[in-house]
C-alpha cells in the first residue's frame, strides 16, 4: 500500500529580492522604524499577505539584508561591554571588519579599533554591543548638521 502524500504545509524561506522589495515598501510608507522587533513584525505581516503565511524570516536575516541596502540607513545604538574587542566579523551584518589605524608620535602604526565598511558599525578597544537598531530612509535626520530633525544649539 503506497504511503499518503503529505500536505505541503511546511514553511518557505523568501528569496532576498522578495525581502528587499517588502523592506523598501514598508520604509516608503513609514520612513523610520525605531526597533528591529517592530520592523520584523511589519515585514512578516506584508510577507503573509503575499504567500498566505508560509514565509519564515528571522529578525537577524532581515537586519543583515537591510544593512546591505544603499537606500536604507541603519542607526545602531550600542552599549559598552567590559572586555576587549576581538571581533573579526560585524555583529550587525556579518561582514568582515577592517582595522582603524592610527599613527603614533614615533611613526608606528597601531590599531585603535575596527569598523564595518557595509553598515558603519565600529568598535574601539572596548567592545561595543548593539542594543537597538533604527531603520530609516531619512539619513539626513540622523547625520550631518541636524540631529533628530532639529538644528544644533
Protein backbone atom coordinates (compact mmCIF):
# COMPACT_ATOMS: atom_id res chain seq x y z
CA UNK A 1 0.00 0.00 0.00
CA UNK A 2 1.53 3.37 -1.01
CA UNK A 3 2.16 5.98 1.64
CA UNK A 4 -0.07 9.06 1.52
CA UNK A 5 1.48 12.17 0.09
CA UNK A 6 1.95 14.64 2.93
CA UNK A 7 0.38 18.06 2.66
CA UNK A 8 2.93 20.69 1.86
CA UNK A 9 2.14 22.75 4.95
CA UNK A 10 5.79 23.48 5.66
CA UNK A 11 7.31 26.89 5.65
CA UNK A 12 9.22 28.65 2.89
CA UNK A 13 12.23 30.93 3.12
CA UNK A 14 11.72 34.06 1.00
CA UNK A 15 14.31 34.98 -1.58
CA UNK A 16 16.44 38.02 -0.84
CA UNK A 17 14.78 40.00 -3.66
CA UNK A 18 11.34 39.46 -2.10
CA UNK A 19 12.57 40.68 1.29
CA UNK A 20 14.22 43.73 -0.31
CA UNK A 21 11.02 44.74 -2.09
CA UNK A 22 8.99 44.39 1.13
CA UNK A 23 11.60 46.37 3.13
CA UNK A 24 11.53 49.20 0.57
CA UNK A 25 7.72 49.21 0.52
CA UNK A 26 7.45 49.41 4.32
CA UNK A 27 10.09 52.11 4.68
CA UNK A 28 8.50 54.01 1.81
CA UNK A 29 5.34 54.28 3.92
CA UNK A 30 6.77 54.59 7.45
CA UNK A 31 10.09 56.39 6.68
CA UNK A 32 11.57 55.39 10.09
CA UNK A 33 11.07 52.34 12.27
CA UNK A 34 12.66 52.52 15.69
CA UNK A 35 13.03 48.85 16.63
CA UNK A 36 14.07 45.62 14.98
CA UNK A 37 11.15 43.76 16.58
CA UNK A 38 8.54 46.14 15.17
CA UNK A 39 10.26 46.14 11.77
CA UNK A 40 10.27 42.32 11.73
CA UNK A 41 6.57 42.26 12.64
CA UNK A 42 5.68 44.65 9.82
CA UNK A 43 7.75 42.72 7.27
CA UNK A 44 6.21 39.39 8.32
CA UNK A 45 2.70 40.87 8.02
CA UNK A 46 3.46 42.00 4.48
CA UNK A 47 5.04 38.62 3.60
CA UNK A 48 1.98 36.77 4.93
CA UNK A 49 -0.19 38.79 2.58
CA UNK A 50 1.95 37.63 -0.35
CA UNK A 51 2.21 33.93 0.45
CA UNK A 52 -0.60 33.09 2.84
CA UNK A 53 1.60 32.85 5.93
CA UNK A 54 4.12 30.25 4.76
CA UNK A 55 7.16 32.53 4.62
CA UNK A 56 9.53 32.49 7.60
CA UNK A 57 12.21 35.11 8.16
CA UNK A 58 14.40 35.62 11.21
CA UNK A 59 14.99 39.12 12.58
CA UNK A 60 18.73 38.55 12.15
CA UNK A 61 18.40 37.78 8.43
CA UNK A 62 16.10 40.78 7.97
CA UNK A 63 18.66 43.05 9.66
CA UNK A 64 21.54 41.68 7.58
CA UNK A 65 19.65 42.12 4.30
CA UNK A 66 18.53 45.64 5.26
CA UNK A 67 22.03 46.69 6.35
CA UNK A 68 23.41 45.92 2.91
CA UNK A 69 20.89 48.12 1.06
CA UNK A 70 22.18 51.52 -0.10
CA UNK A 71 18.85 53.31 0.33
CA UNK A 72 18.24 52.03 3.89
CA UNK A 73 20.19 53.76 6.67
CA UNK A 74 20.73 51.74 9.83
CA UNK A 75 21.30 53.64 13.09
CA UNK A 76 22.95 51.37 15.64
CA UNK A 77 22.65 52.17 19.36
CA UNK A 78 25.27 50.37 21.45
CA UNK A 79 26.41 49.91 25.00
CA UNK A 80 29.99 49.39 26.04
CA UNK A 81 30.99 45.90 27.12
CA UNK A 82 33.57 45.12 29.74
CA UNK A 83 36.04 43.14 27.67
CA UNK A 84 38.48 43.98 24.93
CA UNK A 85 37.05 43.73 21.44
CA UNK A 86 38.32 40.75 19.47
CA UNK A 87 35.65 40.69 16.78
CA UNK A 88 36.59 39.86 13.21
CA UNK A 89 33.03 39.85 11.86
CA UNK A 90 30.45 42.59 12.21
CA UNK A 91 27.67 41.66 14.68
CA UNK A 92 25.17 43.70 12.67
CA UNK A 93 25.61 42.49 9.07
CA UNK A 94 28.19 39.69 9.27
CA UNK A 95 30.77 41.37 7.02
CA UNK A 96 34.48 41.14 7.77
CA UNK A 97 35.59 44.16 9.80
CA UNK A 98 38.58 46.36 8.94
CA UNK A 99 41.12 47.89 11.31
CA UNK A 100 41.04 51.55 12.27
CA UNK A 101 44.71 52.56 12.13
CA UNK A 102 46.40 55.48 13.82
CA UNK A 103 49.99 56.75 13.76
CA UNK A 104 51.93 57.30 16.96
CA UNK A 105 54.37 60.13 17.62
CA UNK A 106 57.21 57.69 16.87
CA UNK A 107 55.82 56.83 13.43
CA UNK A 108 54.45 53.40 14.31
CA UNK A 109 51.03 52.34 13.16
CA UNK A 110 48.63 50.98 15.78
CA UNK A 111 45.11 49.63 15.56
CA UNK A 112 42.68 51.63 17.68
CA UNK A 113 39.57 49.67 16.77
CA UNK A 114 37.60 48.07 13.95
CA UNK A 115 34.83 49.23 11.63
CA UNK A 116 32.43 47.64 9.15
CA UNK A 117 32.54 49.09 5.62
CA UNK A 118 28.95 47.98 4.89
CA UNK A 119 26.82 49.12 7.83
CA UNK A 120 29.31 51.51 9.52
CA UNK A 121 29.29 49.73 12.88
CA UNK A 122 32.52 50.41 14.75
CA UNK A 123 34.15 49.37 17.97
CA UNK A 124 37.17 50.69 19.82
CA UNK A 125 39.46 48.86 22.18
CA UNK A 126 36.44 48.10 24.38
CA UNK A 127 33.68 46.04 22.82
CA UNK A 128 30.51 47.89 21.73
CA UNK A 129 27.41 45.71 21.94
CA UNK A 130 24.46 46.66 19.70
CA UNK A 131 21.27 47.12 21.71
CA UNK A 132 18.82 48.88 19.36
CA UNK A 133 18.51 49.29 15.62
CA UNK A 134 16.67 52.13 13.88
CA UNK A 135 15.80 51.52 10.22
CA UNK A 136 15.22 54.66 8.16
CA UNK A 137 15.41 56.17 4.70
CA UNK A 138 15.81 59.65 6.21
CA UNK A 139 19.60 59.63 6.54
CA UNK A 140 19.83 63.43 6.89
CA UNK A 141 17.78 63.24 10.08
CA UNK A 142 20.46 61.15 11.80
CA UNK A 143 23.70 62.57 10.33
CA UNK A 144 25.27 65.86 9.47
CA UNK A 145 24.23 69.23 10.86
CA UNK A 146 20.82 68.20 12.16
CA UNK A 147 20.20 65.67 14.89
CA UNK A 148 16.72 64.22 15.30
CA UNK A 149 15.33 66.81 12.90
CA UNK A 150 16.44 69.82 15.00
CA UNK A 151 19.19 72.31 14.34
CA UNK A 152 22.13 72.11 16.79
CA UNK A 153 22.05 74.71 19.58
